[in-house]
């Protein structure tokens, strides 16, 4: 493990994906394209196989403070 690996662990490893890959419970979402990237993670254009519509999925980095901020965001959006 290098010092760079330690830095990646501290900020949360970047989510790696392949276009066309499935995501979520029961492979609900099909990843179509990247939409954006920021401090907390990435936003992906996906196809929701359950609702049969296109959507955006925000993938949060595995960092406790980012996960806490995402939970607050979910509550605000509700």
PDB file of N, CA and C in Angstrom:
ATOM      1  N   UNK A   1       0.850  -1.184   0.000  1.00  0.00           N
ATOM      2  CA  UNK A   1       0.000   0.000   0.000  1.00  0.00           C
ATOM      3  C   UNK A   1       0.887   1.234   0.000  1.00  0.00           C
ATOM      4  N   UNK A   2       0.616   2.168  -0.889  1.00  0.00           N
ATOM      5  CA  UNK A   2       1.415   3.386  -0.994  1.00  0.00           C
ATOM      6  C   UNK A   2       0.731   4.533  -0.253  1.00  0.00           C
ATOM      7  N   UNK A   3       1.441   5.640  -0.137  1.00  0.00           N
ATOM      8  CA  UNK A   3       0.861   6.831   0.504  1.00  0.00           C
ATOM      9  C   UNK A   3      -0.356   7.295  -0.278  1.00  0.00           C
ATOM     10  N   UNK A   4      -0.323   7.140  -1.600  1.00  0.00           N
ATOM     11  CA  UNK A   4      -1.463   7.523  -2.435  1.00  0.00           C
ATOM     12  C   UNK A   4      -2.679   6.667  -2.114  1.00  0.00           C
ATOM     13  N   UNK A   5      -2.473   5.361  -1.836  1.00  0.00           N
ATOM     14  CA  UNK A   5      -3.579   4.494  -1.446  1.00  0.00           C
ATOM     15  C   UNK A   5      -4.195   4.967  -0.137  1.00  0.00           C
ATOM     16  N   UNK A   6      -3.351   5.398   0.812  1.00  0.00           N
ATOM     17  CA  UNK A   6      -3.861   5.921   2.085  1.00  0.00           C
ATOM     18  C   UNK A   6      -4.730   7.144   1.848  1.00  0.00           C
ATOM     19  N   UNK A   7      -4.289   8.017   0.946  1.00  0.00           N
ATOM     20  CA  UNK A   7      -5.058   9.228   0.632  1.00  0.00           C
ATOM     21  C   UNK A   7      -6.405   8.850   0.031  1.00  0.00           C
ATOM     22  N   UNK A   8      -6.431   7.874  -0.872  1.00  0.00           N
ATOM     23  CA  UNK A   8      -7.689   7.430  -1.463  1.00  0.00           C
ATOM     24  C   UNK A   8      -8.620   6.858  -0.410  1.00  0.00           C
ATOM     25  N   UNK A   9      -8.092   6.107   0.571  1.00  0.00           N
ATOM     26  CA  UNK A   9      -8.922   5.559   1.636  1.00  0.00           C
ATOM     27  C   UNK A   9      -9.517   6.673   2.485  1.00  0.00           C
ATOM     28  N   UNK A  10      -8.767   7.740   2.717  1.00  0.00           N
ATOM     29  CA  UNK A  10      -9.243   8.844   3.539  1.00  0.00           C
ATOM     30  C   UNK A  10     -10.395   9.583   2.866  1.00  0.00           C
ATOM     31  N   UNK A  11     -10.345   9.774   1.569  1.00  0.00           N
ATOM     32  CA  UNK A  11     -11.388  10.551   0.891  1.00  0.00           C
ATOM     33  C   UNK A  11     -12.480   9.663   0.332  1.00  0.00           C
ATOM     34  N   UNK A  12     -12.288   8.374   0.377  1.00  0.00           N
ATOM     35  CA  UNK A  12     -13.268   7.442  -0.168  1.00  0.00           C
ATOM     36  C   UNK A  12     -12.895   7.072  -1.580  1.00  0.00           C
ATOM     37  N   UNK A  13     -12.812   5.804  -1.835  1.00  0.00           N
ATOM     38  CA  UNK A  13     -12.418   5.356  -3.179  1.00  0.00           C
ATOM     39  C   UNK A  13     -13.467   5.785  -4.194  1.00  0.00           C
ATOM     40  N   UNK A  14     -12.976   6.174  -5.346  1.00  0.00           N
ATOM     41  CA  UNK A  14     -13.878   6.558  -6.428  1.00  0.00           C
ATOM     42  C   UNK A  14     -14.653   5.339  -6.890  1.00  0.00           C
ATOM     43  N   UNK A  15     -15.911   5.532  -7.134  1.00  0.00           N
ATOM     44  CA  UNK A  15     -16.778   4.470  -7.640  1.00  0.00           C
ATOM     45  C   UNK A  15     -16.418   4.225  -9.097  1.00  0.00           C
ATOM     46  N   UNK A  16     -16.048   3.015  -9.423  1.00  0.00           N
ATOM     47  CA  UNK A  16     -15.712   2.673 -10.799  1.00  0.00           C
ATOM     48  C   UNK A  16     -16.860   1.867 -11.388  1.00  0.00           C
ATOM     49  N   UNK A  17     -17.171   2.129 -12.638  1.00  0.00           N
ATOM     50  CA  UNK A  17     -18.302   1.477 -13.288  1.00  0.00           C
ATOM     51  C   UNK A  17     -18.007   1.304 -14.767  1.00  0.00           C
ATOM     52  N   UNK A  18     -18.817   0.503 -15.399  1.00  0.00           N
ATOM     53  CA  UNK A  18     -18.753   0.291 -16.847  1.00  0.00           C
ATOM     54  C   UNK A  18     -20.126   0.625 -17.408  1.00  0.00           C
ATOM     55  N   UNK A  19     -20.151   1.348 -18.516  1.00  0.00           N
ATOM     56  CA  UNK A  19     -21.435   1.658 -19.144  1.00  0.00           C
ATOM     57  C   UNK A  19     -22.153   0.356 -19.475  1.00  0.00           C
ATOM     58  N   UNK A  20     -23.451   0.326 -19.198  1.00  0.00           N
ATOM     59  CA  UNK A  20     -24.253  -0.874 -19.413  1.00  0.00           C
ATOM     60  C   UNK A  20     -24.332  -1.775 -18.191  1.00  0.00           C
ATOM     61  N   UNK A  21     -23.497  -1.508 -17.194  1.00  0.00           N
ATOM     62  CA  UNK A  21     -23.490  -2.296 -15.947  1.00  0.00           C
ATOM     63  C   UNK A  21     -24.765  -2.024 -15.156  1.00  0.00           C
ATOM     64  N   UNK A  22     -25.142  -2.985 -14.329  1.00  0.00           N
ATOM     65  CA  UNK A  22     -26.318  -2.828 -13.466  1.00  0.00           C
ATOM     66  C   UNK A  22     -25.906  -2.322 -12.098  1.00  0.00           C
ATOM     67  N   UNK A  23     -26.831  -1.635 -11.451  1.00  0.00           N
ATOM     68  CA  UNK A  23     -26.573  -1.000 -10.169  1.00  0.00           C
ATOM     69  C   UNK A  23     -27.826  -1.100  -9.311  1.00  0.00           C
ATOM     70  N   UNK A  24     -27.646  -1.222  -8.014  1.00  0.00           N
ATOM     71  CA  UNK A  24     -28.779  -1.195  -7.104  1.00  0.00           C
ATOM     72  C   UNK A  24     -29.341  -2.564  -6.792  1.00  0.00           C
ATOM     73  N   UNK A  25     -30.324  -2.570  -5.905  1.00  0.00           N
ATOM     74  CA  UNK A  25     -30.941  -3.847  -5.519  1.00  0.00           C
ATOM     75  C   UNK A  25     -31.599  -4.518  -6.721  1.00  0.00           C
ATOM     76  N   UNK A  26     -31.371  -5.794  -6.867  1.00  0.00           N
ATOM     77  CA  UNK A  26     -31.937  -6.576  -7.978  1.00  0.00           C
ATOM     78  C   UNK A  26     -31.587  -6.001  -9.344  1.00  0.00           C
ATOM     79  N   UNK A  27     -30.403  -5.350  -9.440  1.00  0.00           N
ATOM     80  CA  UNK A  27     -29.943  -4.781 -10.715  1.00  0.00           C
ATOM     81  C   UNK A  27     -30.980  -3.844 -11.324  1.00  0.00           C
ATOM     82  N   UNK A  28     -31.605  -3.042 -10.474  1.00  0.00           N
ATOM     83  CA  UNK A  28     -32.699  -2.177 -10.914  1.00  0.00           C
ATOM     84  C   UNK A  28     -32.293  -1.149 -11.966  1.00  0.00           C
ATOM     85  N   UNK A  29     -31.098  -0.578 -11.820  1.00  0.00           N
ATOM     86  CA  UNK A  29     -30.682   0.518 -12.689  1.00  0.00           C
ATOM     87  C   UNK A  29     -29.602   0.072 -13.669  1.00  0.00           C
ATOM     88  N   UNK A  30     -29.747   0.463 -14.917  1.00  0.00           N
ATOM     89  CA  UNK A  30     -28.722   0.215 -15.929  1.00  0.00           C
ATOM     90  C   UNK A  30     -27.976   1.529 -16.148  1.00  0.00           C
ATOM     91  N   UNK A  31     -26.650   1.510 -15.979  1.00  0.00           N
ATOM     92  CA  UNK A  31     -25.838   2.712 -16.127  1.00  0.00           C
ATOM     93  C   UNK A  31     -25.675   3.038 -17.609  1.00  0.00           C
ATOM     94  N   UNK A  32     -26.061   4.278 -17.972  1.00  0.00           N
ATOM     95  CA  UNK A  32     -26.012   4.704 -19.366  1.00  0.00           C
ATOM     96  C   UNK A  32     -24.877   5.687 -19.655  1.00  0.00           C
ATOM     97  N   UNK A  33     -24.665   6.658 -18.741  1.00  0.00           N
ATOM     98  CA  UNK A  33     -23.657   7.687 -19.003  1.00  0.00           C
ATOM     99  C   UNK A  33     -23.343   8.455 -17.725  1.00  0.00           C
ATOM    100  N   UNK A  34     -22.148   9.021 -17.631  1.00  0.00           N
ATOM    101  CA  UNK A  34     -21.846   9.914 -16.505  1.00  0.00           C
ATOM    102  C   UNK A  34     -22.522  11.263 -16.744  1.00  0.00           C
ATOM    103  N   UNK A  35     -23.044  11.857 -15.676  1.00  0.00           N
ATOM    104  CA  UNK A  35     -23.652  13.191 -15.780  1.00  0.00           C
ATOM    105  C   UNK A  35     -22.816  14.254 -15.080  1.00  0.00           C
ATOM    106  N   UNK A  36     -22.116  13.857 -14.021  1.00  0.00           N
ATOM    107  CA  UNK A  36     -21.314  14.829 -13.292  1.00  0.00           C
ATOM    108  C   UNK A  36     -20.564  14.189 -12.154  1.00  0.00           C
ATOM    109  N   UNK A  37     -19.661  14.976 -11.572  1.00  0.00           N
ATOM    110  CA  UNK A  37     -18.848  14.497 -10.462  1.00  0.00           C
ATOM    111  C   UNK A  37     -18.559  15.666  -9.542  1.00  0.00           C
ATOM    112  N   UNK A  38     -18.575  15.397  -8.245  1.00  0.00           N
ATOM    113  CA  UNK A  38     -18.306  16.444  -7.278  1.00  0.00           C
ATOM    114  C   UNK A  38     -17.628  15.893  -6.048  1.00  0.00           C
ATOM    115  N   UNK A  39     -17.590  16.689  -5.013  1.00  0.00           N
ATOM    116  CA  UNK A  39     -16.929  16.313  -3.776  1.00  0.00           C
ATOM    117  C   UNK A  39     -17.520  15.054  -3.167  1.00  0.00           C
ATOM    118  N   UNK A  40     -18.851  14.930  -3.196  1.00  0.00           N
ATOM    119  CA  UNK A  40     -19.513  13.816  -2.518  1.00  0.00           C
ATOM    120  C   UNK A  40     -19.555  12.540  -3.350  1.00  0.00           C
ATOM    121  N   UNK A  41     -19.378  12.630  -4.641  1.00  0.00           N
ATOM    122  CA  UNK A  41     -19.452  11.434  -5.468  1.00  0.00           C
ATOM    123  C   UNK A  41     -19.758  11.750  -6.909  1.00  0.00           C
ATOM    124  N   UNK A  42     -20.479  10.854  -7.567  1.00  0.00           N
ATOM    125  CA  UNK A  42     -20.783  10.971  -8.987  1.00  0.00           C
ATOM    126  C   UNK A  42     -22.285  10.885  -9.217  1.00  0.00           C
ATOM    127  N   UNK A  43     -22.727  11.452 -10.334  1.00  0.00           N
ATOM    128  CA  UNK A  43     -24.115  11.329 -10.762  1.00  0.00           C
ATOM    129  C   UNK A  43     -24.102  10.632 -12.114  1.00  0.00           C
ATOM    130  N   UNK A  44     -24.930   9.595 -12.222  1.00  0.00           N
ATOM    131  CA  UNK A  44     -24.975   8.785 -13.429  1.00  0.00           C
ATOM    132  C   UNK A  44     -26.360   8.820 -14.050  1.00  0.00           C
ATOM    133  N   UNK A  45     -26.418   8.886 -15.377  1.00  0.00           N
ATOM    134  CA  UNK A  45     -27.683   8.706 -16.068  1.00  0.00           C
ATOM    135  C   UNK A  45     -27.939   7.204 -16.113  1.00  0.00           C
ATOM    136  N   UNK A  46     -29.130   6.810 -15.684  1.00  0.00           N
ATOM    137  CA  UNK A  46     -29.473   5.394 -15.622  1.00  0.00           C
ATOM    138  C   UNK A  46     -30.866   5.159 -16.195  1.00  0.00           C
ATOM    139  N   UNK A  47     -31.148   3.905 -16.446  1.00  0.00           N
ATOM    140  CA  UNK A  47     -32.493   3.499 -16.823  1.00  0.00           C
ATOM    141  C   UNK A  47     -33.046   2.665 -15.688  1.00  0.00           C
ATOM    142  N   UNK A  48     -34.179   3.074 -15.133  1.00  0.00           N
ATOM    143  CA  UNK A  48     -34.843   2.368 -14.035  1.00  0.00           C
ATOM    144  C   UNK A  48     -35.712   1.268 -14.641  1.00  0.00           C
ATOM    145  N   UNK A  49     -35.314   0.031 -14.424  1.00  0.00           N
ATOM    146  CA  UNK A  49     -36.037  -1.089 -15.027  1.00  0.00           C
ATOM    147  C   UNK A  49     -37.404  -1.317 -14.386  1.00  0.00           C
ATOM    148  N   UNK A  50     -37.590  -0.858 -13.158  1.00  0.00           N
ATOM    149  CA  UNK A  50     -38.877  -1.034 -12.474  1.00  0.00           C
ATOM    150  C   UNK A  50     -39.890  -0.009 -12.984  1.00  0.00           C
ATOM    151  N   UNK A  51     -39.498   1.273 -12.964  1.00  0.00           N
ATOM    152  CA  UNK A  51     -40.408   2.334 -13.422  1.00  0.00           C
ATOM    153  C   UNK A  51     -40.395   2.501 -14.937  1.00  0.00           C
ATOM    154  N   UNK A  52     -39.451   1.862 -15.590  1.00  0.00           N
ATOM    155  CA  UNK A  52     -39.291   1.940 -17.045  1.00  0.00           C
ATOM    156  C   UNK A  52     -39.164   3.391 -17.515  1.00  0.00           C
ATOM    157  N   UNK A  53     -38.208   4.094 -16.874  1.00  0.00           N
ATOM    158  CA  UNK A  53     -37.934   5.473 -17.250  1.00  0.00           C
ATOM    159  C   UNK A  53     -36.475   5.814 -16.969  1.00  0.00           C
ATOM    160  N   UNK A  54     -36.006   6.892 -17.581  1.00  0.00           N
ATOM    161  CA  UNK A  54     -34.640   7.352 -17.373  1.00  0.00           C
ATOM    162  C   UNK A  54     -34.581   8.174 -16.097  1.00  0.00           C
ATOM    163  N   UNK A  55     -33.436   8.116 -15.428  1.00  0.00           N
ATOM    164  CA  UNK A  55     -33.293   8.851 -14.175  1.00  0.00           C
ATOM    165  C   UNK A  55     -31.817   9.161 -13.921  1.00  0.00           C
ATOM    166  N   UNK A  56     -31.565   9.945 -12.900  1.00  0.00           N
ATOM    167  CA  UNK A  56     -30.207  10.223 -12.443  1.00  0.00           C
ATOM    168  C   UNK A  56     -30.026   9.531 -11.095  1.00  0.00           C
ATOM    169  N   UNK A  57     -28.878   8.906 -10.913  1.00  0.00           N
ATOM    170  CA  UNK A  57     -28.556   8.233  -9.654  1.00  0.00           C
ATOM    171  C   UNK A  57     -27.287   8.861  -9.102  1.00  0.00           C
ATOM    172  N   UNK A  58     -27.357   9.348  -7.866  1.00  0.00           N
ATOM    173  CA  UNK A  58     -26.198   9.927  -7.202  1.00  0.00           C
ATOM    174  C   UNK A  58     -25.513   8.828  -6.390  1.00  0.00           C
ATOM    175  N   UNK A  59     -24.240   8.610  -6.660  1.00  0.00           N
ATOM    176  CA  UNK A  59     -23.447   7.608  -5.947  1.00  0.00           C
ATOM    177  C   UNK A  59     -22.515   8.358  -5.004  1.00  0.00           C
ATOM    178  N   UNK A  60     -22.716   8.171  -3.698  1.00  0.00           N
ATOM    179  CA  UNK A  60     -21.958   8.889  -2.673  1.00  0.00           C
ATOM    180  C   UNK A  60     -20.704   8.109  -2.306  1.00  0.00           C
ATOM    181  N   UNK A  61     -19.595   8.813  -2.170  1.00  0.00           N
ATOM    182  CA  UNK A  61     -18.345   8.169  -1.735  1.00  0.00           C
ATOM    183  C   UNK A  61     -18.526   7.601  -0.337  1.00  0.00           C
ATOM    184  N   UNK A  62     -17.812   6.532  -0.052  1.00  0.00           N
ATOM    185  CA  UNK A  62     -17.924   5.830   1.221  1.00  0.00           C
ATOM    186  C   UNK A  62     -17.089   6.532   2.297  1.00  0.00           C
ATOM    187  N   UNK A  63     -17.534   7.735   2.664  1.00  0.00           N
ATOM    188  CA  UNK A  63     -16.891   8.546   3.694  1.00  0.00           C
ATOM    189  C   UNK A  63     -17.999   8.930   4.673  1.00  0.00           C
ATOM    190  N   UNK A  64     -17.823   8.674   5.977  1.00  0.00           N
ATOM    191  CA  UNK A  64     -18.905   8.918   6.940  1.00  0.00           C
ATOM    192  C   UNK A  64     -19.553  10.306   6.843  1.00  0.00           C
ATOM    193  N   UNK A  65     -18.765  11.371   6.719  1.00  0.00           N
ATOM    194  CA  UNK A  65     -19.376  12.712   6.687  1.00  0.00           C
ATOM    195  C   UNK A  65     -20.165  12.931   5.391  1.00  0.00           C
ATOM    196  N   UNK A  66     -19.746  12.294   4.281  1.00  0.00           N
ATOM    197  CA  UNK A  66     -20.493  12.412   3.037  1.00  0.00           C
ATOM    198  C   UNK A  66     -21.801  11.635   3.111  1.00  0.00           C
ATOM    199  N   UNK A  67     -21.740  10.458   3.752  1.00  0.00           N
ATOM    200  CA  UNK A  67     -22.967   9.670   3.905  1.00  0.00           C
ATOM    201  C   UNK A  67     -23.965  10.399   4.791  1.00  0.00           C
ATOM    202  N   UNK A  68     -23.484  11.058   5.849  1.00  0.00           N
ATOM    203  CA  UNK A  68     -24.363  11.814   6.739  1.00  0.00           C
ATOM    204  C   UNK A  68     -25.006  12.983   5.980  1.00  0.00           C
ATOM    205  N   UNK A  69     -24.214  13.673   5.167  1.00  0.00           N
ATOM    206  CA  UNK A  69     -24.742  14.792   4.372  1.00  0.00           C
ATOM    207  C   UNK A  69     -25.779  14.300   3.371  1.00  0.00           C
ATOM    208  N   UNK A  70     -25.558  13.122   2.789  1.00  0.00           N
ATOM    209  CA  UNK A  70     -26.507  12.572   1.824  1.00  0.00           C
ATOM    210  C   UNK A  70     -27.832  12.232   2.504  1.00  0.00           C
ATOM    211  N   UNK A  71     -27.781  11.722   3.726  1.00  0.00           N
ATOM    212  CA  UNK A  71     -29.013  11.401   4.460  1.00  0.00           C
ATOM    213  C   UNK A  71     -29.804  12.670   4.736  1.00  0.00           C
ATOM    214  N   UNK A  72     -29.123  13.755   5.054  1.00  0.00           N
ATOM    215  CA  UNK A  72     -29.800  15.031   5.277  1.00  0.00           C
ATOM    216  C   UNK A  72     -30.450  15.494   3.980  1.00  0.00           C
ATOM    217  N   UNK A  73     -29.726  15.360   2.868  1.00  0.00           N
ATOM    218  CA  UNK A  73     -30.267  15.741   1.562  1.00  0.00           C
ATOM    219  C   UNK A  73     -31.523  14.951   1.223  1.00  0.00           C
ATOM    220  N   UNK A  74     -31.519  13.650   1.512  1.00  0.00           N
ATOM    221  CA  UNK A  74     -32.712  12.818   1.268  1.00  0.00           C
ATOM    222  C   UNK A  74     -33.885  13.330   2.077  1.00  0.00           C
ATOM    223  N   UNK A  75     -33.653  13.645   3.355  1.00  0.00           N
ATOM    224  CA  UNK A  75     -34.743  14.157   4.202  1.00  0.00           C
ATOM    225  C   UNK A  75     -35.289  15.476   3.657  1.00  0.00           C
ATOM    226  N   UNK A  76     -34.420  16.350   3.184  1.00  0.00           N
ATOM    227  CA  UNK A  76     -34.863  17.639   2.635  1.00  0.00           C
ATOM    228  C   UNK A  76     -35.690  17.410   1.377  1.00  0.00           C
ATOM    229  N   UNK A  77     -35.259  16.483   0.530  1.00  0.00           N
ATOM    230  CA  UNK A  77     -35.980  16.228  -0.715  1.00  0.00           C
ATOM    231  C   UNK A  77     -37.332  15.561  -0.492  1.00  0.00           C
ATOM    232  N   UNK A  78     -37.459  14.817   0.610  1.00  0.00           N
ATOM    233  CA  UNK A  78     -38.755  14.203   0.922  1.00  0.00           C
ATOM    234  C   UNK A  78     -39.755  15.267   1.263  1.00  0.00           C
TER     235      UNK A  78
END
